[in-house]
Amino acid sequence: MTKPLETHELSAIRARLSGCVDGPWIHRGDGFIETADHRVIGVTCAGNGDCGGNVKLPRVAHGQFLAAAREDIPRLLAEVDRLREEVERLCAQPATEPPPKNVVPAPKAPVAFGVR
């Protein structure tokens, strides 16, 4: 299990995100990551990572991941916020004692025993 992210770590992630061009980002498949209005913001290789010569750039799967990150990261941060709020809410509730073990609950309605 990992340790929880500190507030300053989440703030740093939010700051890096706010410095990025708005999404969605698209990996075109020919090696370019661009915005919806076709501004190129990153370059990967279209195939196996070999772009010719000595240049090695990320593969298509990496480009797709990077392009999706612009929308995935805000959603993940929102989920972190939601879950932390839920933890706070649950921790603020008074604790209830669990039911005792091995105890047969009382019947909900009286049981009538007939005689023949």
N, C-alpha and C. Protein backbone atom coordinates (compact mmCIF):
# COMPACT_ATOMS: atom_id res chain seq x y z
N MET A 1 0.85 -1.18 0.00
CA MET A 1 0.00 0.00 0.00
C MET A 1 0.89 1.24 0.00
N THR A 2 0.52 2.19 -0.79
CA THR A 2 1.28 3.45 -0.84
C THR A 2 0.80 4.38 0.26
N LYS A 3 1.66 5.31 0.61
CA LYS A 3 1.23 6.29 1.61
C LYS A 3 0.42 7.39 0.93
N PRO A 4 -0.50 8.00 1.66
CA PRO A 4 -1.35 9.04 1.05
C PRO A 4 -0.53 10.21 0.52
N LEU A 5 -1.00 10.80 -0.54
CA LEU A 5 -0.35 12.00 -1.07
C LEU A 5 -0.55 13.16 -0.10
N GLU A 6 0.52 13.90 0.10
CA GLU A 6 0.47 15.09 0.94
C GLU A 6 -0.24 16.20 0.16
N THR A 7 -0.77 17.17 0.87
CA THR A 7 -1.47 18.29 0.24
C THR A 7 -0.54 19.02 -0.73
N HIS A 8 0.73 19.20 -0.34
CA HIS A 8 1.66 19.92 -1.24
C HIS A 8 1.95 19.12 -2.51
N GLU A 9 1.87 17.78 -2.45
CA GLU A 9 2.08 16.97 -3.65
C GLU A 9 0.91 17.13 -4.61
N LEU A 10 -0.30 17.11 -4.06
CA LEU A 10 -1.48 17.34 -4.91
C LEU A 10 -1.47 18.75 -5.50
N SER A 11 -1.03 19.72 -4.71
CA SER A 11 -0.95 21.10 -5.20
C SER A 11 0.05 21.20 -6.35
N ALA A 12 1.17 20.48 -6.25
CA ALA A 12 2.18 20.50 -7.32
C ALA A 12 1.62 19.88 -8.60
N ILE A 13 0.85 18.81 -8.46
CA ILE A 13 0.22 18.18 -9.64
C ILE A 13 -0.77 19.16 -10.27
N ARG A 14 -1.58 19.81 -9.45
CA ARG A 14 -2.54 20.78 -9.97
C ARG A 14 -1.84 21.95 -10.67
N ALA A 15 -0.71 22.38 -10.12
CA ALA A 15 0.05 23.50 -10.73
C ALA A 15 0.60 23.08 -12.09
N ARG A 16 1.13 21.86 -12.18
CA ARG A 16 1.65 21.40 -13.48
C ARG A 16 0.50 21.29 -14.49
N LEU A 17 -0.63 20.83 -14.04
CA LEU A 17 -1.79 20.70 -14.92
C LEU A 17 -2.27 22.06 -15.41
N SER A 18 -2.31 23.03 -14.51
CA SER A 18 -2.80 24.36 -14.91
C SER A 18 -1.86 25.05 -15.88
N GLY A 19 -0.60 24.60 -15.94
CA GLY A 19 0.35 25.18 -16.89
C GLY A 19 0.24 24.59 -18.28
N CYS A 20 -0.61 23.60 -18.45
CA CYS A 20 -0.76 22.94 -19.75
C CYS A 20 -1.87 23.58 -20.57
N VAL A 21 -1.75 23.41 -21.87
CA VAL A 21 -2.79 23.85 -22.79
C VAL A 21 -4.04 23.02 -22.51
N ASP A 22 -5.21 23.65 -22.61
CA ASP A 22 -6.46 22.94 -22.37
C ASP A 22 -6.61 21.76 -23.31
N GLY A 23 -7.35 20.75 -22.85
CA GLY A 23 -7.61 19.56 -23.64
C GLY A 23 -8.91 19.71 -24.41
N PRO A 24 -9.34 18.73 -25.11
CA PRO A 24 -8.67 17.44 -25.19
C PRO A 24 -7.44 17.48 -26.09
N TRP A 25 -6.53 16.57 -25.81
CA TRP A 25 -5.36 16.36 -26.65
C TRP A 25 -5.59 15.10 -27.47
N ILE A 26 -5.03 15.09 -28.66
CA ILE A 26 -5.24 13.97 -29.57
C ILE A 26 -3.88 13.47 -30.05
N HIS A 27 -3.69 12.15 -30.00
CA HIS A 27 -2.50 11.56 -30.62
C HIS A 27 -2.93 11.14 -32.01
N ARG A 28 -2.36 11.78 -33.01
CA ARG A 28 -2.82 11.56 -34.37
C ARG A 28 -2.42 10.20 -34.93
N GLY A 29 -1.44 9.53 -34.32
CA GLY A 29 -0.98 8.25 -34.85
C GLY A 29 0.21 8.40 -35.76
N ASP A 30 0.44 9.60 -36.28
CA ASP A 30 1.62 9.83 -37.12
C ASP A 30 2.76 10.43 -36.31
N GLY A 31 2.60 10.43 -34.98
CA GLY A 31 3.68 10.90 -34.13
C GLY A 31 3.41 12.22 -33.44
N PHE A 32 2.35 12.91 -33.79
CA PHE A 32 2.09 14.22 -33.20
C PHE A 32 0.96 14.16 -32.17
N ILE A 33 1.14 14.86 -31.06
CA ILE A 33 0.08 15.08 -30.08
C ILE A 33 -0.33 16.52 -30.27
N GLU A 34 -1.62 16.73 -30.46
CA GLU A 34 -2.07 18.09 -30.73
C GLU A 34 -3.37 18.38 -29.99
N THR A 35 -3.68 19.67 -29.93
CA THR A 35 -4.92 20.11 -29.31
C THR A 35 -6.06 19.97 -30.32
N ALA A 36 -7.28 20.18 -29.85
CA ALA A 36 -8.44 20.08 -30.75
C ALA A 36 -8.37 21.09 -31.89
N ASP A 37 -7.68 22.21 -31.66
CA ASP A 37 -7.54 23.20 -32.74
C ASP A 37 -6.23 23.02 -33.51
N HIS A 38 -5.65 21.82 -33.44
CA HIS A 38 -4.51 21.37 -34.25
C HIS A 38 -3.17 22.04 -33.91
N ARG A 39 -3.02 22.51 -32.66
CA ARG A 39 -1.71 23.01 -32.24
C ARG A 39 -0.89 21.83 -31.73
N VAL A 40 0.27 21.60 -32.30
CA VAL A 40 1.13 20.49 -31.89
C VAL A 40 1.73 20.82 -30.53
N ILE A 41 1.58 19.87 -29.59
CA ILE A 41 2.14 20.08 -28.25
C ILE A 41 3.13 19.00 -27.87
N GLY A 42 3.28 17.97 -28.70
CA GLY A 42 4.22 16.90 -28.41
C GLY A 42 4.45 16.04 -29.63
N VAL A 43 5.58 15.32 -29.62
CA VAL A 43 5.92 14.46 -30.74
C VAL A 43 6.33 13.10 -30.20
N THR A 44 5.80 12.06 -30.82
CA THR A 44 6.20 10.69 -30.55
C THR A 44 6.50 10.06 -31.89
N CYS A 45 6.89 8.81 -31.90
CA CYS A 45 7.07 8.10 -33.16
C CYS A 45 5.77 7.39 -33.51
N ALA A 46 5.54 7.24 -34.80
CA ALA A 46 4.31 6.61 -35.25
C ALA A 46 4.37 5.10 -35.08
N GLY A 47 5.54 4.53 -35.05
CA GLY A 47 5.67 3.07 -35.02
C GLY A 47 6.31 2.55 -33.75
N ASN A 48 7.49 1.95 -33.92
CA ASN A 48 8.12 1.23 -32.82
C ASN A 48 9.06 2.08 -31.97
N GLY A 49 9.09 3.35 -32.17
CA GLY A 49 9.98 4.23 -31.39
C GLY A 49 11.24 4.60 -32.13
N ASP A 50 11.49 3.98 -33.27
CA ASP A 50 12.68 4.30 -34.05
C ASP A 50 12.31 5.34 -35.10
N CYS A 51 12.76 6.56 -34.88
CA CYS A 51 12.40 7.65 -35.79
C CYS A 51 13.47 7.91 -36.84
N GLY A 52 14.40 7.00 -36.94
CA GLY A 52 15.48 7.18 -37.90
C GLY A 52 16.67 7.83 -37.22
N GLY A 53 17.85 7.47 -37.67
CA GLY A 53 19.05 8.04 -37.06
C GLY A 53 19.20 7.59 -35.62
N ASN A 54 19.71 8.47 -34.80
CA ASN A 54 19.92 8.16 -33.39
C ASN A 54 18.77 8.64 -32.50
N VAL A 55 17.70 9.13 -33.12
CA VAL A 55 16.59 9.70 -32.36
C VAL A 55 15.65 8.60 -31.91
N LYS A 56 15.39 8.54 -30.62
CA LYS A 56 14.39 7.62 -30.07
C LYS A 56 13.33 8.45 -29.38
N LEU A 57 12.09 8.33 -29.82
CA LEU A 57 10.97 9.04 -29.21
C LEU A 57 9.97 8.01 -28.71
N PRO A 58 9.04 8.42 -27.85
CA PRO A 58 8.06 7.47 -27.32
C PRO A 58 7.24 6.80 -28.40
N ARG A 59 6.81 5.60 -28.12
CA ARG A 59 5.99 4.82 -29.04
C ARG A 59 4.55 5.32 -29.05
N VAL A 60 3.75 4.75 -29.95
CA VAL A 60 2.35 5.16 -30.11
C VAL A 60 1.59 5.04 -28.79
N ALA A 61 1.76 3.92 -28.08
CA ALA A 61 1.04 3.74 -26.82
C ALA A 61 1.40 4.85 -25.83
N HIS A 62 2.65 5.27 -25.84
CA HIS A 62 3.06 6.36 -24.96
C HIS A 62 2.38 7.67 -25.38
N GLY A 63 2.31 7.90 -26.67
CA GLY A 63 1.65 9.10 -27.17
C GLY A 63 0.18 9.13 -26.81
N GLN A 64 -0.48 7.97 -26.93
CA GLN A 64 -1.89 7.90 -26.57
C GLN A 64 -2.09 8.16 -25.08
N PHE A 65 -1.18 7.61 -24.26
CA PHE A 65 -1.26 7.85 -22.82
C PHE A 65 -1.07 9.33 -22.51
N LEU A 66 -0.06 9.93 -23.13
CA LEU A 66 0.22 11.35 -22.88
C LEU A 66 -0.96 12.22 -23.32
N ALA A 67 -1.53 11.91 -24.46
CA ALA A 67 -2.66 12.69 -24.95
C ALA A 67 -3.86 12.55 -24.01
N ALA A 68 -4.11 11.35 -23.51
CA ALA A 68 -5.25 11.12 -22.63
C ALA A 68 -5.03 11.74 -21.24
N ALA A 69 -3.78 11.93 -20.85
CA ALA A 69 -3.46 12.45 -19.51
C ALA A 69 -4.10 13.81 -19.27
N ARG A 70 -4.25 14.61 -20.30
CA ARG A 70 -4.80 15.96 -20.12
C ARG A 70 -6.22 15.93 -19.61
N GLU A 71 -6.96 14.90 -19.93
CA GLU A 71 -8.31 14.75 -19.40
C GLU A 71 -8.36 13.77 -18.22
N ASP A 72 -7.47 12.79 -18.21
CA ASP A 72 -7.46 11.81 -17.12
C ASP A 72 -7.03 12.41 -15.79
N ILE A 73 -6.00 13.25 -15.80
CA ILE A 73 -5.46 13.81 -14.55
C ILE A 73 -6.51 14.65 -13.82
N PRO A 74 -7.22 15.57 -14.48
CA PRO A 74 -8.26 16.31 -13.76
C PRO A 74 -9.34 15.40 -13.18
N ARG A 75 -9.70 14.35 -13.91
CA ARG A 75 -10.71 13.42 -13.40
C ARG A 75 -10.19 12.67 -12.17
N LEU A 76 -8.93 12.26 -12.20
CA LEU A 76 -8.34 11.57 -11.05
C LEU A 76 -8.24 12.50 -9.84
N LEU A 77 -7.85 13.75 -10.07
CA LEU A 77 -7.78 14.71 -8.97
C LEU A 77 -9.16 14.94 -8.37
N ALA A 78 -10.17 15.04 -9.21
CA ALA A 78 -11.54 15.21 -8.71
C ALA A 78 -11.97 14.00 -7.88
N GLU A 79 -11.56 12.81 -8.31
CA GLU A 79 -11.90 11.61 -7.56
C GLU A 79 -11.18 11.58 -6.21
N VAL A 80 -9.93 12.02 -6.17
CA VAL A 80 -9.20 12.13 -4.90
C VAL A 80 -9.94 13.08 -3.96
N ASP A 81 -10.34 14.22 -4.49
CA ASP A 81 -11.09 15.20 -3.68
C ASP A 81 -12.39 14.59 -3.14
N ARG A 82 -13.13 13.91 -4.02
CA ARG A 82 -14.40 13.32 -3.62
C ARG A 82 -14.19 12.27 -2.53
N LEU A 83 -13.20 11.42 -2.70
CA LEU A 83 -12.96 10.36 -1.72
C LEU A 83 -12.47 10.92 -0.39
N ARG A 84 -11.65 11.96 -0.43
CA ARG A 84 -11.20 12.57 0.82
C ARG A 84 -12.37 13.22 1.56
N GLU A 85 -13.26 13.86 0.81
CA GLU A 85 -14.45 14.44 1.45
C GLU A 85 -15.32 13.35 2.07
N GLU A 86 -15.44 12.23 1.39
CA GLU A 86 -16.23 11.12 1.91
C GLU A 86 -15.59 10.55 3.18
N VAL A 87 -14.29 10.43 3.20
CA VAL A 87 -13.60 9.96 4.41
C VAL A 87 -13.84 10.92 5.56
N GLU A 88 -13.72 12.22 5.30
CA GLU A 88 -13.98 13.21 6.35
C GLU A 88 -15.40 13.11 6.87
N ARG A 89 -16.36 12.95 5.95
CA ARG A 89 -17.77 12.83 6.34
C ARG A 89 -17.99 11.60 7.21
N LEU A 90 -17.42 10.49 6.80
CA LEU A 90 -17.61 9.25 7.55
C LEU A 90 -16.91 9.31 8.91
N CYS A 91 -15.76 9.94 8.97
CA CYS A 91 -15.04 10.07 10.24
C CYS A 91 -15.76 10.99 11.20
N ALA A 92 -16.54 11.92 10.69
CA ALA A 92 -17.26 12.86 11.54
C ALA A 92 -18.52 12.24 12.14
N GLN A 93 -18.98 11.13 11.59
CA GLN A 93 -20.18 10.48 12.11
C GLN A 93 -19.84 9.78 13.42
N PRO A 94 -20.80 9.76 14.35
CA PRO A 94 -20.55 9.03 15.59
C PRO A 94 -20.37 7.54 15.30
N ALA A 95 -19.48 6.94 16.04
CA ALA A 95 -19.23 5.51 15.85
C ALA A 95 -20.39 4.70 16.37
N THR A 96 -20.71 3.66 15.69
CA THR A 96 -21.75 2.74 16.16
C THR A 96 -21.07 1.43 16.52
N GLU A 97 -21.59 0.81 17.55
CA GLU A 97 -21.01 -0.46 17.97
C GLU A 97 -21.53 -1.57 17.08
N PRO A 98 -20.65 -2.48 16.69
CA PRO A 98 -21.12 -3.59 15.86
C PRO A 98 -22.00 -4.52 16.69
N PRO A 99 -22.90 -5.23 16.04
CA PRO A 99 -23.75 -6.16 16.79
C PRO A 99 -22.90 -7.25 17.43
N PRO A 100 -23.30 -7.71 18.60
CA PRO A 100 -22.52 -8.77 19.24
C PRO A 100 -22.55 -10.04 18.39
N LYS A 101 -21.46 -10.79 18.44
CA LYS A 101 -21.37 -12.03 17.65
C LYS A 101 -22.05 -13.17 18.40
N ASN A 102 -22.52 -14.13 17.64
CA ASN A 102 -23.12 -15.35 18.18
C ASN A 102 -24.36 -15.10 19.04
N VAL A 103 -25.10 -14.07 18.74
CA VAL A 103 -26.32 -13.79 19.47
C VAL A 103 -27.48 -13.93 18.49
N VAL A 104 -28.45 -14.71 18.89
CA VAL A 104 -29.62 -14.90 18.04
C VAL A 104 -30.53 -13.71 18.23
N PRO A 105 -30.90 -13.02 17.15
CA PRO A 105 -31.77 -11.85 17.30
C PRO A 105 -33.16 -12.27 17.76
N ALA A 106 -33.80 -11.37 18.48
CA ALA A 106 -35.16 -11.61 18.95
C ALA A 106 -36.09 -11.64 17.76
N PRO A 107 -37.13 -12.47 17.84
CA PRO A 107 -38.07 -12.52 16.70
C PRO A 107 -38.81 -11.19 16.57
N LYS A 108 -39.17 -10.85 15.36
CA LYS A 108 -39.84 -9.58 15.10
C LYS A 108 -41.32 -9.64 15.45
N ALA A 109 -41.91 -10.81 15.39
CA ALA A 109 -43.33 -10.96 15.72
C ALA A 109 -43.44 -12.11 16.74
N PRO A 110 -44.42 -12.04 17.61
CA PRO A 110 -44.56 -13.14 18.56
C PRO A 110 -44.79 -14.45 17.85
N VAL A 111 -44.20 -15.47 18.41
CA VAL A 111 -44.36 -16.81 17.84
C VAL A 111 -45.45 -17.52 18.63
N ALA A 112 -46.43 -18.05 17.96
CA ALA A 112 -47.53 -18.77 18.61
C ALA A 112 -47.33 -20.25 18.39
N PHE A 113 -47.43 -20.99 19.48
CA PHE A 113 -47.32 -22.43 19.39
C PHE A 113 -48.71 -23.02 19.63
N GLY A 114 -49.21 -23.73 18.70
CA GLY A 114 -50.54 -24.32 18.86
C GLY A 114 -50.46 -25.73 19.44
N VAL A 115 -51.53 -26.13 20.09
CA VAL A 115 -51.62 -27.48 20.64
C VAL A 115 -52.71 -28.21 19.89
N ARG A 116 -52.48 -29.45 19.56
CA ARG A 116 -53.49 -30.22 18.86
C ARG A 116 -54.36 -30.95 19.78
